[in-house]
Protein backbone atom coordinates (compact mmCIF):
# COMPACT_ATOMS: atom_id res chain seq x y z
CA MET A 1 -196.23 33.06 -77.62
CA ASP A 2 -194.75 31.74 -74.37
CA ASN A 3 -197.25 31.16 -71.64
CA ASN A 4 -197.41 33.80 -68.94
CA ILE A 5 -197.26 33.41 -65.19
CA PHE A 6 -200.56 34.30 -63.52
CA SER A 7 -201.51 35.09 -59.98
CA TYR A 8 -204.97 33.87 -59.02
CA ASP A 9 -206.31 37.42 -59.38
CA GLU A 10 -204.74 37.86 -62.83
CA ALA A 11 -206.12 34.56 -64.09
CA SER A 12 -209.54 35.37 -62.66
CA ALA A 13 -209.50 38.77 -64.36
CA MET A 14 -208.99 37.05 -67.73
CA LEU A 15 -211.77 34.56 -67.21
CA ASP A 16 -214.52 36.65 -68.81
CA GLU A 17 -212.54 36.91 -72.05
CA VAL A 18 -211.57 33.23 -71.94
CA ARG A 19 -215.20 32.28 -71.29
CA GLU A 20 -216.46 34.48 -74.14
CA LEU A 21 -213.99 32.93 -76.62
CA THR A 22 -214.75 29.43 -75.39
CA VAL A 23 -218.54 29.74 -75.44
CA ALA A 24 -218.47 31.24 -78.94
CA ALA A 25 -216.23 28.45 -80.26
CA HIS A 26 -218.32 25.81 -78.50
CA GLU A 27 -221.52 27.16 -80.07
CA ARG A 28 -219.94 27.24 -83.55
CA LEU A 29 -218.73 23.68 -83.07
CA GLN A 30 -222.16 22.46 -81.96
CA ALA A 31 -223.78 24.02 -85.03
CA LEU A 32 -221.23 22.41 -87.34
CA ARG A 33 -221.63 19.02 -85.67
CA ALA A 34 -225.38 19.20 -86.22
CA LYS A 35 -224.76 19.86 -89.92
CA VAL A 36 -222.29 16.98 -90.14
CA GLU A 37 -224.90 14.63 -88.68
CA GLY A 38 -227.26 15.66 -91.50
CA ALA A 39 -224.68 15.12 -94.23
CA PRO A 40 -224.17 11.74 -95.92
CA PRO A 41 -221.14 10.01 -94.35
CA GLY A 42 -218.03 10.40 -96.48
CA SER A 43 -219.61 13.07 -98.67
CA ARG A 44 -217.72 16.18 -99.75
CA ARG A 45 -220.05 18.22 -97.52
CA ALA A 46 -219.27 16.06 -94.48
CA LYS A 47 -215.54 16.33 -95.16
CA LYS A 48 -215.74 20.11 -95.56
CA LEU A 49 -217.75 20.46 -92.35
CA SER A 50 -215.17 18.34 -90.54
CA GLU A 51 -212.45 20.68 -91.80
CA TRP A 52 -214.42 23.64 -90.46
CA ILE A 53 -214.77 21.91 -87.09
CA ASN A 54 -210.99 21.48 -86.93
CA THR A 55 -210.55 25.15 -87.90
CA VAL A 56 -212.86 26.28 -85.06
CA ILE A 57 -210.93 24.19 -82.52
CA HIS A 58 -207.56 25.37 -83.84
CA GLN A 59 -208.63 29.04 -83.81
CA TRP A 60 -209.93 28.73 -80.24
CA ALA A 61 -206.60 27.25 -79.14
CA GLU A 62 -204.69 30.04 -80.90
CA ASP A 63 -206.92 32.67 -79.26
CA ILE A 64 -206.28 31.19 -75.81
CA LEU A 65 -202.53 31.01 -76.45
CA SER A 66 -202.54 34.66 -77.56
CA LEU A 67 -203.79 35.55 -74.07
CA GLY A 68 -200.82 33.72 -72.53
CA ALA A 69 -202.93 30.88 -71.18
CA LEU A 70 -202.75 27.24 -72.24
CA PRO A 71 -205.54 25.35 -74.00
CA LYS A 72 -205.60 21.85 -72.51
CA GLY A 73 -208.13 19.59 -74.09
CA LEU A 74 -211.35 20.78 -75.59
CA TRP A 75 -212.69 23.81 -73.70
CA THR A 76 -210.24 23.54 -70.81
CA VAL A 77 -207.74 26.30 -70.06
CA ASP A 78 -204.75 26.29 -67.71
CA PHE A 79 -203.12 29.37 -66.22
CA ASP A 80 -199.53 28.81 -65.10
CA SER A 81 -199.00 29.93 -61.51
CA GLY A 82 -195.22 29.64 -61.84
CA LYS A 83 -195.27 27.67 -58.59
CA GLY A 84 -195.49 24.13 -59.91
CA TYR A 85 -199.21 24.08 -60.63
CA TYR A 86 -201.81 25.44 -63.02
CA PHE A 87 -205.06 27.16 -62.16
CA CYS A 88 -207.52 25.13 -64.24
CA TRP A 89 -210.83 26.22 -65.77
CA THR A 90 -213.22 24.38 -68.05
CA LEU A 91 -216.39 25.35 -69.89
CA ASN A 92 -219.42 25.96 -67.66
CA GLU A 93 -217.40 26.72 -64.53
CA SER A 94 -218.27 30.17 -63.20
CA ARG A 95 -214.83 30.87 -61.71
CA LEU A 96 -211.43 29.39 -61.04
CA THR A 97 -211.91 26.76 -58.37
CA HIS A 98 -209.38 24.06 -59.27
CA PHE A 99 -205.69 23.45 -59.86
CA HIS A 100 -203.42 20.61 -60.86
CA ASN A 101 -199.67 20.08 -60.67
CA TYR A 102 -197.56 20.44 -63.79
CA GLU A 103 -197.18 16.66 -64.08
CA GLU A 104 -200.90 15.98 -63.78
CA GLY A 105 -203.63 16.67 -66.24
CA PHE A 106 -207.34 17.28 -65.96
CA MET A 107 -207.83 14.02 -64.08
CA GLY A 108 -205.52 15.33 -61.34
CA ARG A 109 -207.60 18.45 -60.70
CA LYS A 110 -208.15 19.35 -57.07
CA PRO A 111 -210.04 22.15 -55.31
CA LEU A 112 -207.92 25.23 -54.64
CA SER A 113 -208.42 24.62 -50.92
CA GLU A 114 -206.02 21.67 -51.33
CA LEU A 115 -203.07 23.74 -52.55
CA PRO A 116 -199.85 22.40 -51.00
CA ASN A 117 -199.38 25.36 -48.67
CA GLY A 118 -202.98 25.09 -47.50
CA ILE A 119 -203.84 28.65 -48.56
CA SER A 120 -206.57 29.00 -51.14
CA PRO A 121 -206.23 32.03 -53.43
CA VAL A 122 -210.03 32.23 -53.38
CA LEU A 123 -209.87 33.08 -49.69
CA LEU A 124 -207.39 35.88 -50.36
CA ASN A 125 -209.78 37.86 -52.58
């Protein structure tokens, strides 16, 4: 599915669903990692658990894509504004508070108050 264009309000409205999917996947991943740590390295069990970990990550990414958003790194989601930047959310953030330009990644995140036109969508709500 092609990514959608989101206003700040539209992206914020999706955040509960994105958070629910992300927290559930994160918890499954943590449980699997704990099991991998208890398995002998290189064992069939460790290999199978590693496959399951990859499946959890892949399914999470597919779920986020199905919403029209973009999974960017583990537990980070971008919402395309259509204006040259993404609204950016990552696990444990309570709301959308950051953005980054298309050319930048997570390391280029800035507070929404620093949007080029100086108007923060947060202030418009």
